[in-house]
Amino acid sequence: ELEMYVDNMWANINRYKDFNMSHIHGESDWSFCYYVSVPTNSGNIVFS
């Protein structure tokens, strides 16, 4: 009977040298990332 719903969702654009600092997603249970456009050498997502 468990229900799941997508609480919020946003778009990200990282250009040359842009990056994201280490972080978590608070006040939620699961998170996701979907890749729309990925040029070569544009950076991995790294989990700790």
ModelCIF file with pLDDT and N, C-alpha, C, O atoms, coordinates in Angstrom:
data_MODEL
#
_entry.id   MODEL 
#
_entity.id                         1 
_entity.type                       polymer 
_entity.pdbx_number_of_molecules   1 
#
_entity_poly.entity_id                      1 
_entity_poly.type                           'polypeptide(L)' 
_entity_poly.nstd_linkage                   no 
_entity_poly.nstd_monomer                   no 
_entity_poly.pdbx_seq_one_letter_code       ELEMYVDNMWANINRYKDFNMSHIHGESDWSFCYYVSVPTNSGNIVFS 
_entity_poly.pdbx_seq_one_letter_code_can   ELEMYVDNMWANINRYKDFNMSHIHGESDWSFCYYVSVPTNSGNIVFS 
_entity_poly.pdbx_strand_id                 A 
#
loop_
_entity_poly_seq.entity_id 
_entity_poly_seq.num 
_entity_poly_seq.mon_id 
_entity_poly_seq.hetero 
1 1  GLU n 
1 2  LEU n 
1 3  GLU n 
1 4  MET n 
1 5  TYR n 
1 6  VAL n 
1 7  ASP n 
1 8  ASN n 
1 9  MET n 
1 10 TRP n 
1 11 ALA n 
1 12 ASN n 
1 13 ILE n 
1 14 ASN n 
1 15 ARG n 
1 16 TYR n 
1 17 LYS n 
1 18 ASP n 
1 19 PHE n 
1 20 ASN n 
1 21 MET n 
1 22 SER n 
1 23 HIS n 
1 24 ILE n 
1 25 HIS n 
1 26 GLY n 
1 27 GLU n 
1 28 SER n 
1 29 ASP n 
1 30 TRP n 
1 31 SER n 
1 32 PHE n 
1 33 CYS n 
1 34 TYR n 
1 35 TYR n 
1 36 VAL n 
1 37 SER n 
1 38 VAL n 
1 39 PRO n 
1 40 THR n 
1 41 ASN n 
1 42 SER n 
1 43 GLY n 
1 44 ASN n 
1 45 ILE n 
1 46 VAL n 
1 47 PHE n 
1 48 SER n 
#
_struct_asym.id          A 
_struct_asym.entity_id   1 
#
loop_
_ma_qa_metric.id 
_ma_qa_metric.mode 
_ma_qa_metric.name 
_ma_qa_metric.software_group_id 
_ma_qa_metric.type 
1 global pLDDT . pLDDT 
2 local  pLDDT . pLDDT 
#
_ma_qa_metric_global.metric_id      1 
_ma_qa_metric_global.metric_value   94.35 
_ma_qa_metric_global.model_id       1 
_ma_qa_metric_global.ordinal_id     1 
#
loop_
_ma_qa_metric_local.label_asym_id 
_ma_qa_metric_local.label_comp_id 
_ma_qa_metric_local.label_seq_id 
_ma_qa_metric_local.metric_id 
_ma_qa_metric_local.metric_value 
_ma_qa_metric_local.model_id 
_ma_qa_metric_local.ordinal_id 
A GLU 1  2 93.00 1 1  
A LEU 2  2 93.00 1 2  
A GLU 3  2 94.00 1 3  
A MET 4  2 96.00 1 4  
A TYR 5  2 95.00 1 5  
A VAL 6  2 97.00 1 6  
A ASP 7  2 96.00 1 7  
A ASN 8  2 95.00 1 8  
A MET 9  2 96.00 1 9  
A TRP 10 2 95.00 1 10 
A ALA 11 2 95.00 1 11 
A ASN 12 2 94.00 1 12 
A ILE 13 2 94.00 1 13 
A ASN 14 2 94.00 1 14 
A ARG 15 2 93.00 1 15 
A TYR 16 2 94.00 1 16 
A LYS 17 2 92.00 1 17 
A ASP 18 2 92.00 1 18 
A PHE 19 2 90.00 1 19 
A ASN 20 2 89.00 1 20 
A MET 21 2 88.00 1 21 
A SER 22 2 87.00 1 22 
A HIS 23 2 91.00 1 23 
A ILE 24 2 91.00 1 24 
A HIS 25 2 93.00 1 25 
A GLY 26 2 88.00 1 26 
A GLU 27 2 89.00 1 27 
A SER 28 2 95.00 1 28 
A ASP 29 2 97.00 1 29 
A TRP 30 2 97.00 1 30 
A SER 31 2 97.00 1 31 
A PHE 32 2 98.00 1 32 
A CYS 33 2 98.00 1 33 
A TYR 34 2 98.00 1 34 
A TYR 35 2 98.00 1 35 
A VAL 36 2 98.00 1 36 
A SER 37 2 98.00 1 37 
A VAL 38 2 98.00 1 38 
A PRO 39 2 97.00 1 39 
A THR 40 2 96.00 1 40 
A ASN 41 2 96.00 1 41 
A SER 42 2 96.00 1 42 
A GLY 43 2 95.00 1 43 
A ASN 44 2 96.00 1 44 
A ILE 45 2 96.00 1 45 
A VAL 46 2 95.00 1 46 
A PHE 47 2 95.00 1 47 
A SER 48 2 91.00 1 48 
#
loop_
_atom_site.group_PDB 
_atom_site.id 
_atom_site.type_symbol 
_atom_site.label_atom_id 
_atom_site.label_alt_id 
_atom_site.label_comp_id 
_atom_site.label_asym_id 
_atom_site.label_entity_id 
_atom_site.label_seq_id 
_atom_site.pdbx_PDB_ins_code 
_atom_site.Cartn_x 
_atom_site.Cartn_y 
_atom_site.Cartn_z 
_atom_site.occupancy 
_atom_site.B_iso_or_equiv 
_atom_site.pdbx_formal_charge 
_atom_site.auth_seq_id 
_atom_site.auth_comp_id 
_atom_site.auth_asym_id 
_atom_site.auth_atom_id 
_atom_site.pdbx_PDB_model_num 
ATOM 1   N N  . GLU A 1 1  ? 0.803  -1.221 0.000   1.00 93.00 ? 1  GLU A N  1 
ATOM 2   C CA . GLU A 1 1  ? 0.000  0.000  0.000   1.00 93.00 ? 1  GLU A CA 1 
ATOM 3   C C  . GLU A 1 1  ? 0.840  1.278  0.000   1.00 93.00 ? 1  GLU A C  1 
ATOM 4   O O  . GLU A 1 1  ? 0.297  2.382  -0.033  1.00 93.00 ? 1  GLU A O  1 
ATOM 5   N N  . LEU A 1 2  ? 2.145  1.126  0.036   1.00 93.00 ? 2  LEU A N  1 
ATOM 6   C CA . LEU A 1 2  ? 3.011  2.304  0.063   1.00 93.00 ? 2  LEU A CA 1 
ATOM 7   C C  . LEU A 1 2  ? 2.822  3.150  -1.195  1.00 93.00 ? 2  LEU A C  1 
ATOM 8   O O  . LEU A 1 2  ? 2.758  2.620  -2.304  1.00 93.00 ? 2  LEU A O  1 
ATOM 9   N N  . GLU A 1 3  ? 2.734  4.450  -1.014  1.00 94.00 ? 3  GLU A N  1 
ATOM 10  C CA . GLU A 1 3  ? 2.617  5.375  -2.140  1.00 94.00 ? 3  GLU A CA 1 
ATOM 11  C C  . GLU A 1 3  ? 3.906  6.158  -2.304  1.00 94.00 ? 3  GLU A C  1 
ATOM 12  O O  . GLU A 1 3  ? 4.532  6.549  -1.319  1.00 94.00 ? 3  GLU A O  1 
ATOM 13  N N  . MET A 1 4  ? 4.297  6.384  -3.536  1.00 96.00 ? 4  MET A N  1 
ATOM 14  C CA . MET A 1 4  ? 5.450  7.228  -3.817  1.00 96.00 ? 4  MET A CA 1 
ATOM 15  C C  . MET A 1 4  ? 5.019  8.359  -4.723  1.00 96.00 ? 4  MET A C  1 
ATOM 16  O O  . MET A 1 4  ? 4.169  8.184  -5.595  1.00 96.00 ? 4  MET A O  1 
ATOM 17  N N  . TYR A 1 5  ? 5.612  9.519  -4.510  1.00 95.00 ? 5  TYR A N  1 
ATOM 18  C CA . TYR A 1 5  ? 5.353  10.613 -5.438  1.00 95.00 ? 5  TYR A CA 1 
ATOM 19  C C  . TYR A 1 5  ? 6.604  11.474 -5.558  1.00 95.00 ? 5  TYR A C  1 
ATOM 20  O O  . TYR A 1 5  ? 7.393  11.593 -4.620  1.00 95.00 ? 5  TYR A O  1 
ATOM 21  N N  . VAL A 1 6  ? 6.763  12.065 -6.724  1.00 97.00 ? 6  VAL A N  1 
ATOM 22  C CA . VAL A 1 6  ? 7.887  12.968 -6.967  1.00 97.00 ? 6  VAL A CA 1 
ATOM 23  C C  . VAL A 1 6  ? 7.528  14.309 -6.348  1.00 97.00 ? 6  VAL A C  1 
ATOM 24  O O  . VAL A 1 6  ? 6.613  14.992 -6.810  1.00 97.00 ? 6  VAL A O  1 
ATOM 25  N N  . ASP A 1 7  ? 8.245  14.678 -5.311  1.00 96.00 ? 7  ASP A N  1 
ATOM 26  C CA . ASP A 1 7  ? 7.924  15.881 -4.537  1.00 96.00 ? 7  ASP A CA 1 
ATOM 27  C C  . ASP A 1 7  ? 8.352  17.148 -5.255  1.00 96.00 ? 7  ASP A C  1 
ATOM 28  O O  . ASP A 1 7  ? 7.599  18.121 -5.310  1.00 96.00 ? 7  ASP A O  1 
ATOM 29  N N  . ASN A 1 8  ? 9.546  17.139 -5.799  1.00 95.00 ? 8  ASN A N  1 
ATOM 30  C CA . ASN A 1 8  ? 10.034 18.300 -6.545  1.00 95.00 ? 8  ASN A CA 1 
ATOM 31  C C  . ASN A 1 8  ? 11.049 17.861 -7.587  1.00 95.00 ? 8  ASN A C  1 
ATOM 32  O O  . ASN A 1 8  ? 11.607 16.767 -7.506  1.00 95.00 ? 8  ASN A O  1 
ATOM 33  N N  . MET A 1 9  ? 11.280 18.725 -8.562  1.00 96.00 ? 9  MET A N  1 
ATOM 34  C CA . MET A 1 9  ? 12.157 18.371 -9.680  1.00 96.00 ? 9  MET A CA 1 
ATOM 35  C C  . MET A 1 9  ? 12.665 19.654 -10.321 1.00 96.00 ? 9  MET A C  1 
ATOM 36  O O  . MET A 1 9  ? 11.909 20.614 -10.469 1.00 96.00 ? 9  MET A O  1 
ATOM 37  N N  . TRP A 1 10 ? 13.930 19.680 -10.701 1.00 95.00 ? 10 TRP A N  1 
ATOM 38  C CA . TRP A 1 10 ? 14.530 20.886 -11.256 1.00 95.00 ? 10 TRP A CA 1 
ATOM 39  C C  . TRP A 1 10 ? 15.563 20.529 -12.315 1.00 95.00 ? 10 TRP A C  1 
ATOM 40  O O  . TRP A 1 10 ? 16.058 19.403 -12.359 1.00 95.00 ? 10 TRP A O  1 
ATOM 41  N N  . ALA A 1 11 ? 15.881 21.493 -13.162 1.00 95.00 ? 11 ALA A N  1 
ATOM 42  C CA . ALA A 1 11 ? 16.862 21.303 -14.224 1.00 95.00 ? 11 ALA A CA 1 
ATOM 43  C C  . ALA A 1 11 ? 18.210 21.883 -13.803 1.00 95.00 ? 11 ALA A C  1 
ATOM 44  O O  . ALA A 1 11 ? 18.276 22.861 -13.058 1.00 95.00 ? 11 ALA A O  1 
ATOM 45  N N  . ASN A 1 12 ? 19.284 21.261 -14.295 1.00 94.00 ? 12 ASN A N  1 
ATOM 46  C CA . ASN A 1 12 ? 20.653 21.706 -14.029 1.00 94.00 ? 12 ASN A CA 1 
ATOM 47  C C  . ASN A 1 12 ? 21.390 21.927 -15.335 1.00 94.00 ? 12 ASN A C  1 
ATOM 48  O O  . ASN A 1 12 ? 21.295 21.117 -16.257 1.00 94.00 ? 12 ASN A O  1 
ATOM 49  N N  . ILE A 1 13 ? 22.127 23.031 -15.413 1.00 94.00 ? 13 ILE A N  1 
ATOM 50  C CA . ILE A 1 13 ? 23.021 23.271 -16.544 1.00 94.00 ? 13 ILE A CA 1 
ATOM 51  C C  . ILE A 1 13 ? 24.405 23.601 -15.994 1.00 94.00 ? 13 ILE A C  1 
ATOM 52  O O  . ILE A 1 13 ? 24.582 24.590 -15.283 1.00 94.00 ? 13 ILE A O  1 
ATOM 53  N N  . ASN A 1 14 ? 25.370 22.771 -16.327 1.00 94.00 ? 14 ASN A N  1 
ATOM 54  C CA . ASN A 1 14 ? 26.764 23.031 -15.945 1.00 94.00 ? 14 ASN A CA 1 
ATOM 55  C C  . ASN A 1 14 ? 27.589 23.234 -17.205 1.00 94.00 ? 14 ASN A C  1 
ATOM 56  O O  . ASN A 1 14 ? 27.693 22.348 -18.053 1.00 94.00 ? 14 ASN A O  1 
ATOM 57  N N  . ARG A 1 15 ? 28.171 24.419 -17.305 1.00 93.00 ? 15 ARG A N  1 
ATOM 58  C CA . ARG A 1 15 ? 29.041 24.714 -18.434 1.00 93.00 ? 15 ARG A CA 1 
ATOM 59  C C  . ARG A 1 15 ? 30.508 24.543 -18.026 1.00 93.00 ? 15 ARG A C  1 
ATOM 60  O O  . ARG A 1 15 ? 30.802 23.984 -16.969 1.00 93.00 ? 15 ARG A O  1 
ATOM 61  N N  . TYR A 1 16 ? 31.399 25.014 -18.848 1.00 94.00 ? 16 TYR A N  1 
ATOM 62  C CA . TYR A 1 16 ? 32.838 24.802 -18.643 1.00 94.00 ? 16 TYR A CA 1 
ATOM 63  C C  . TYR A 1 16 ? 33.266 25.203 -17.228 1.00 94.00 ? 16 TYR A C  1 
ATOM 64  O O  . TYR A 1 16 ? 33.034 26.330 -16.791 1.00 94.00 ? 16 TYR A O  1 
ATOM 65  N N  . LYS A 1 17 ? 33.890 24.268 -16.530 1.00 92.00 ? 17 LYS A N  1 
ATOM 66  C CA . LYS A 1 17 ? 34.425 24.402 -15.173 1.00 92.00 ? 17 LYS A CA 1 
ATOM 67  C C  . LYS A 1 17 ? 33.367 24.427 -14.071 1.00 92.00 ? 17 LYS A C  1 
ATOM 68  O O  . LYS A 1 17 ? 33.720 24.477 -12.893 1.00 92.00 ? 17 LYS A O  1 
ATOM 69  N N  . ASP A 1 18 ? 32.092 24.393 -14.419 1.00 92.00 ? 18 ASP A N  1 
ATOM 70  C CA . ASP A 1 18 ? 31.047 24.358 -13.386 1.00 92.00 ? 18 ASP A CA 1 
ATOM 71  C C  . ASP A 1 18 ? 31.023 22.985 -12.724 1.00 92.00 ? 18 ASP A C  1 
ATOM 72  O O  . ASP A 1 18 ? 31.287 21.972 -13.372 1.00 92.00 ? 18 ASP A O  1 
ATOM 73  N N  . PHE A 1 19 ? 30.706 22.953 -11.430 1.00 90.00 ? 19 PHE A N  1 
ATOM 74  C CA . PHE A 1 19 ? 30.617 21.685 -10.710 1.00 90.00 ? 19 PHE A CA 1 
ATOM 75  C C  . PHE A 1 19 ? 29.654 21.827 -9.544  1.00 90.00 ? 19 PHE A C  1 
ATOM 76  O O  . PHE A 1 19 ? 29.151 22.917 -9.271  1.00 90.00 ? 19 PHE A O  1 
ATOM 77  N N  . ASN A 1 20 ? 29.398 20.708 -8.851  1.00 89.00 ? 20 ASN A N  1 
ATOM 78  C CA . ASN A 1 20 ? 28.524 20.709 -7.677  1.00 89.00 ? 20 ASN A CA 1 
ATOM 79  C C  . ASN A 1 20 ? 29.273 20.157 -6.474  1.00 89.00 ? 20 ASN A C  1 
ATOM 80  O O  . ASN A 1 20 ? 29.877 19.086 -6.537  1.00 89.00 ? 20 ASN A O  1 
ATOM 81  N N  . MET A 1 21 ? 29.224 20.900 -5.383  1.00 88.00 ? 21 MET A N  1 
ATOM 82  C CA . MET A 1 21 ? 29.863 20.472 -4.153  1.00 88.00 ? 21 MET A CA 1 
ATOM 83  C C  . MET A 1 21 ? 29.128 19.274 -3.557  1.00 88.00 ? 21 MET A C  1 
ATOM 84  O O  . MET A 1 21 ? 27.984 18.990 -3.912  1.00 88.00 ? 21 MET A O  1 
ATOM 85  N N  . SER A 1 22 ? 29.802 18.583 -2.651  1.00 87.00 ? 22 SER A N  1 
ATOM 86  C CA . SER A 1 22 ? 29.214 17.420 -2.003  1.00 87.00 ? 22 SER A CA 1 
ATOM 87  C C  . SER A 1 22 ? 28.000 17.828 -1.172  1.00 87.00 ? 22 SER A C  1 
ATOM 88  O O  . SER A 1 22 ? 28.042 18.814 -0.436  1.00 87.00 ? 22 SER A O  1 
ATOM 89  N N  . HIS A 1 23 ? 26.922 17.059 -1.299  1.00 91.00 ? 23 HIS A N  1 
ATOM 90  C CA . HIS A 1 23 ? 25.677 17.403 -0.611  1.00 91.00 ? 23 HIS A CA 1 
ATOM 91  C C  . HIS A 1 23 ? 24.758 16.190 -0.533  1.00 91.00 ? 23 HIS A C  1 
ATOM 92  O O  . HIS A 1 23 ? 25.000 15.175 -1.187  1.00 91.00 ? 23 HIS A O  1 
ATOM 93  N N  . ILE A 1 24 ? 23.714 16.300 0.261   1.00 91.00 ? 24 ILE A N  1 
ATOM 94  C CA . ILE A 1 24 ? 22.645 15.313 0.306   1.00 91.00 ? 24 ILE A CA 1 
ATOM 95  C C  . ILE A 1 24 ? 21.333 16.022 -0.013  1.00 91.00 ? 24 ILE A C  1 
ATOM 96  O O  . ILE A 1 24 ? 21.292 17.245 -0.142  1.00 91.00 ? 24 ILE A O  1 
ATOM 97  N N  . HIS A 1 25 ? 20.267 15.245 -0.139  1.00 93.00 ? 25 HIS A N  1 
ATOM 98  C CA . HIS A 1 25 ? 18.950 15.813 -0.390  1.00 93.00 ? 25 HIS A CA 1 
ATOM 99  C C  . HIS A 1 25 ? 18.090 15.567 0.846   1.00 93.00 ? 25 HIS A C  1 
ATOM 100 O O  . HIS A 1 25 ? 17.571 14.467 1.035   1.00 93.00 ? 25 HIS A O  1 
ATOM 101 N N  . GLY A 1 26 ? 17.942 16.563 1.667   1.00 88.00 ? 26 GLY A N  1 
ATOM 102 C CA . GLY A 1 26 ? 17.209 16.414 2.916   1.00 88.00 ? 26 GLY A CA 1 
ATOM 103 C C  . GLY A 1 26 ? 15.699 16.369 2.726   1.00 88.00 ? 26 GLY A C  1 
ATOM 104 O O  . GLY A 1 26 ? 15.175 16.777 1.690   1.00 88.00 ? 26 GLY A O  1 
ATOM 105 N N  . GLU A 1 27 ? 15.009 15.863 3.750   1.00 89.00 ? 27 GLU A N  1 
ATOM 106 C CA . GLU A 1 27 ? 13.547 15.844 3.812   1.00 89.00 ? 27 GLU A CA 1 
ATOM 107 C C  . GLU A 1 27 ? 12.909 15.059 2.660   1.00 89.00 ? 27 GLU A C  1 
ATOM 108 O O  . GLU A 1 27 ? 11.810 15.388 2.213   1.00 89.00 ? 27 GLU A O  1 
ATOM 109 N N  . SER A 1 28 ? 13.596 14.034 2.188   1.00 95.00 ? 28 SER A N  1 
ATOM 110 C CA . SER A 1 28 ? 13.026 13.145 1.183   1.00 95.00 ? 28 SER A CA 1 
ATOM 111 C C  . SER A 1 28 ? 13.589 11.750 1.407   1.00 95.00 ? 28 SER A C  1 
ATOM 112 O O  . SER A 1 28 ? 14.519 11.570 2.193   1.00 95.00 ? 28 SER A O  1 
ATOM 113 N N  . ASP A 1 29 ? 13.029 10.765 0.720   1.00 97.00 ? 29 ASP A N  1 
ATOM 114 C CA . ASP A 1 29 ? 13.422 9.375  0.926   1.00 97.00 ? 29 ASP A CA 1 
ATOM 115 C C  . ASP A 1 29 ? 14.387 8.869  -0.143  1.00 97.00 ? 29 ASP A C  1 
ATOM 116 O O  . ASP A 1 29 ? 15.387 8.219  0.163   1.00 97.00 ? 29 ASP A O  1 
ATOM 117 N N  . TRP A 1 30 ? 14.077 9.172  -1.384  1.00 97.00 ? 30 TRP A N  1 
ATOM 118 C CA . TRP A 1 30 ? 14.938 8.802  -2.513  1.00 97.00 ? 30 TRP A CA 1 
ATOM 119 C C  . TRP A 1 30 ? 15.112 10.018 -3.405  1.00 97.00 ? 30 TRP A C  1 
ATOM 120 O O  . TRP A 1 30 ? 14.294 10.939 -3.386  1.00 97.00 ? 30 TRP A O  1 
ATOM 121 N N  . SER A 1 31 ? 16.175 10.015 -4.181  1.00 97.00 ? 31 SER A N  1 
ATOM 122 C CA . SER A 1 31 ? 16.438 11.104 -5.121  1.00 97.00 ? 31 SER A CA 1 
ATOM 123 C C  . SER A 1 31 ? 16.844 10.500 -6.465  1.00 97.00 ? 31 SER A C  1 
ATOM 124 O O  . SER A 1 31 ? 17.135 9.308  -6.558  1.00 97.00 ? 31 SER A O  1 
ATOM 125 N N  . PHE A 1 32 ? 16.859 11.324 -7.485  1.00 98.00 ? 32 PHE A N  1 
ATOM 126 C CA . PHE A 1 32 ? 17.216 10.822 -8.810  1.00 98.00 ? 32 PHE A CA 1 
ATOM 127 C C  . PHE A 1 32 ? 17.854 11.924 -9.648  1.00 98.00 ? 32 PHE A C  1 
ATOM 128 O O  . PHE A 1 32 ? 17.724 13.115 -9.367  1.00 98.00 ? 32 PHE A O  1 
ATOM 129 N N  . CYS A 1 33 ? 18.536 11.480 -10.672 1.00 98.00 ? 33 CYS A N  1 
ATOM 130 C CA . CYS A 1 33 ? 19.093 12.399 -11.664 1.00 98.00 ? 33 CYS A CA 1 
ATOM 131 C C  . CYS A 1 33 ? 18.920 11.761 -13.033 1.00 98.00 ? 33 CYS A C  1 
ATOM 132 O O  . CYS A 1 33 ? 19.277 10.601 -13.237 1.00 98.00 ? 33 CYS A O  1 
ATOM 133 N N  . TYR A 1 34 ? 18.369 12.527 -13.969 1.00 98.00 ? 34 TYR A N  1 
ATOM 134 C CA . TYR A 1 34 ? 18.193 12.073 -15.348 1.00 98.00 ? 34 TYR A CA 1 
ATOM 135 C C  . TYR A 1 34 ? 19.034 12.963 -16.260 1.00 98.00 ? 34 TYR A C  1 
ATOM 136 O O  . TYR A 1 34 ? 18.999 14.188 -16.142 1.00 98.00 ? 34 TYR A O  1 
ATOM 137 N N  . TYR A 1 35 ? 19.788 12.349 -17.165 1.00 98.00 ? 35 TYR A N  1 
ATOM 138 C CA . TYR A 1 35 ? 20.706 13.105 -18.020 1.00 98.00 ? 35 TYR A CA 1 
ATOM 139 C C  . TYR A 1 35 ? 20.103 13.367 -19.392 1.00 98.00 ? 35 TYR A C  1 
ATOM 140 O O  . TYR A 1 35 ? 19.757 12.446 -20.131 1.00 98.00 ? 35 TYR A O  1 
ATOM 141 N N  . VAL A 1 36 ? 19.990 14.649 -19.707 1.00 98.00 ? 36 VAL A N  1 
ATOM 142 C CA . VAL A 1 36 ? 19.384 15.098 -20.954 1.00 98.00 ? 36 VAL A CA 1 
ATOM 143 C C  . VAL A 1 36 ? 20.423 15.271 -22.050 1.00 98.00 ? 36 VAL A C  1 
ATOM 144 O O  . VAL A 1 36 ? 20.210 14.850 -23.187 1.00 98.00 ? 36 VAL A O  1 
ATOM 145 N N  . SER A 1 37 ? 21.549 15.890 -21.708 1.00 98.00 ? 37 SER A N  1 
ATOM 146 C CA . SER A 1 37 ? 22.612 16.159 -22.682 1.00 98.00 ? 37 SER A CA 1 
ATOM 147 C C  . SER A 1 37 ? 23.958 16.034 -21.987 1.00 98.00 ? 37 SER A C  1 
ATOM 148 O O  . SER A 1 37 ? 24.213 16.713 -20.992 1.00 98.00 ? 37 SER A O  1 
ATOM 149 N N  . VAL A 1 38 ? 24.826 15.160 -22.514 1.00 98.00 ? 38 VAL A N  1 
ATOM 150 C CA . VAL A 1 38 ? 26.094 14.864 -21.844 1.00 98.00 ? 38 VAL A CA 1 
ATOM 151 C C  . VAL A 1 38 ? 27.247 14.887 -22.851 1.00 98.00 ? 38 VAL A C  1 
ATOM 152 O O  . VAL A 1 38 ? 27.489 13.893 -23.534 1.00 98.00 ? 38 VAL A O  1 
ATOM 153 N N  . PRO A 1 39 ? 27.954 16.007 -22.946 1.00 97.00 ? 39 PRO A N  1 
ATOM 154 C CA . PRO A 1 39 ? 29.144 16.033 -23.812 1.00 97.00 ? 39 PRO A CA 1 
ATOM 155 C C  . PRO A 1 39 ? 30.277 15.235 -23.181 1.00 97.00 ? 39 PRO A C  1 
ATOM 156 O O  . PRO A 1 39 ? 30.260 14.962 -21.981 1.00 97.00 ? 39 PRO A O  1 
ATOM 157 N N  . THR A 1 40 ? 31.238 14.871 -23.975 1.00 96.00 ? 40 THR A N  1 
ATOM 158 C CA . THR A 1 40 ? 32.405 14.135 -23.483 1.00 96.00 ? 40 THR A CA 1 
ATOM 159 C C  . THR A 1 40 ? 33.192 14.983 -22.483 1.00 96.00 ? 40 THR A C  1 
ATOM 160 O O  . THR A 1 40 ? 33.347 16.190 -22.665 1.00 96.00 ? 40 THR A O  1 
ATOM 161 N N  . ASN A 1 41 ? 33.684 14.336 -21.428 1.00 96.00 ? 41 ASN A N  1 
ATOM 162 C CA . ASN A 1 41 ? 34.492 14.999 -20.392 1.00 96.00 ? 41 ASN A CA 1 
ATOM 163 C C  . ASN A 1 41 ? 33.721 16.097 -19.652 1.00 96.00 ? 41 ASN A C  1 
ATOM 164 O O  . ASN A 1 41 ? 34.283 17.136 -19.307 1.00 96.00 ? 41 ASN A O  1 
ATOM 165 N N  . SER A 1 42 ? 32.444 15.857 -19.415 1.00 96.00 ? 42 SER A N  1 
ATOM 166 C CA . SER A 1 42 ? 31.644 16.869 -18.714 1.00 96.00 ? 42 SER A CA 1 
ATOM 167 C C  . SER A 1 42 ? 31.471 16.550 -17.230 1.00 96.00 ? 42 SER A C  1 
ATOM 168 O O  . SER A 1 42 ? 30.738 17.252 -16.533 1.00 96.00 ? 42 SER A O  1 
ATOM 169 N N  . GLY A 1 43 ? 32.142 15.490 -16.731 1.00 95.00 ? 43 GLY A N  1 
ATOM 170 C CA . GLY A 1 43 ? 32.160 15.228 -15.295 1.00 95.00 ? 43 GLY A CA 1 
ATOM 171 C C  . GLY A 1 43 ? 31.245 14.107 -14.845 1.00 95.00 ? 43 GLY A C  1 
ATOM 172 O O  . GLY A 1 43 ? 30.101 14.001 -15.287 1.00 95.00 ? 43 GLY A O  1 
ATOM 173 N N  . ASN A 1 44 ? 31.772 13.262 -13.949 1.00 96.00 ? 44 ASN A N  1 
ATOM 174 C CA . ASN A 1 44 ? 30.983 12.185 -13.351 1.00 96.00 ? 44 ASN A CA 1 
ATOM 175 C C  . ASN A 1 44 ? 30.189 12.696 -12.152 1.00 96.00 ? 44 ASN A C  1 
ATOM 176 O O  . ASN A 1 44 ? 30.506 13.742 -11.586 1.00 96.00 ? 44 ASN A O  1 
ATOM 177 N N  . ILE A 1 45 ? 29.169 11.959 -11.776 1.00 96.00 ? 45 ILE A N  1 
ATOM 178 C CA . ILE A 1 45 ? 28.544 12.136 -10.473 1.00 96.00 ? 45 ILE A CA 1 
ATOM 179 C C  . ILE A 1 45 ? 29.264 11.174 -9.534  1.00 96.00 ? 45 ILE A C  1 
ATOM 180 O O  . ILE A 1 45 ? 29.437 10.002 -9.868  1.00 96.00 ? 45 ILE A O  1 
ATOM 181 N N  . VAL A 1 46 ? 29.684 11.652 -8.366  1.00 95.00 ? 46 VAL A N  1 
ATOM 182 C CA . VAL A 1 46 ? 30.526 10.878 -7.464  1.00 95.00 ? 46 VAL A CA 1 
ATOM 183 C C  . VAL A 1 46 ? 29.832 10.726 -6.118  1.00 95.00 ? 46 VAL A C  1 
ATOM 184 O O  . VAL A 1 46 ? 29.509 11.717 -5.464  1.00 95.00 ? 46 VAL A O  1 
ATOM 185 N N  . PHE A 1 47 ? 29.604 9.483  -5.706  1.00 95.00 ? 47 PHE A N  1 
ATOM 186 C CA . PHE A 1 47 ? 28.944 9.183  -4.445  1.00 95.00 ? 47 PHE A CA 1 
ATOM 187 C C  . PHE A 1 47 ? 29.984 8.846  -3.377  1.00 95.00 ? 47 PHE A C  1 
ATOM 188 O O  . PHE A 1 47 ? 31.002 8.220  -3.672  1.00 95.00 ? 47 PHE A O  1 
ATOM 189 N N  . SER A 1 48 ? 29.724 9.265  -2.135  1.00 91.00 ? 48 SER A N  1 
ATOM 190 C CA . SER A 1 48 ? 30.651 9.039  -1.028  1.00 91.00 ? 48 SER A CA 1 
ATOM 191 C C  . SER A 1 48 ? 30.102 7.971  -0.081  1.00 91.00 ? 48 SER A C  1 
ATOM 192 O O  . SER A 1 48 ? 30.744 7.642  0.916   1.00 91.00 ? 48 SER A O  1 
#
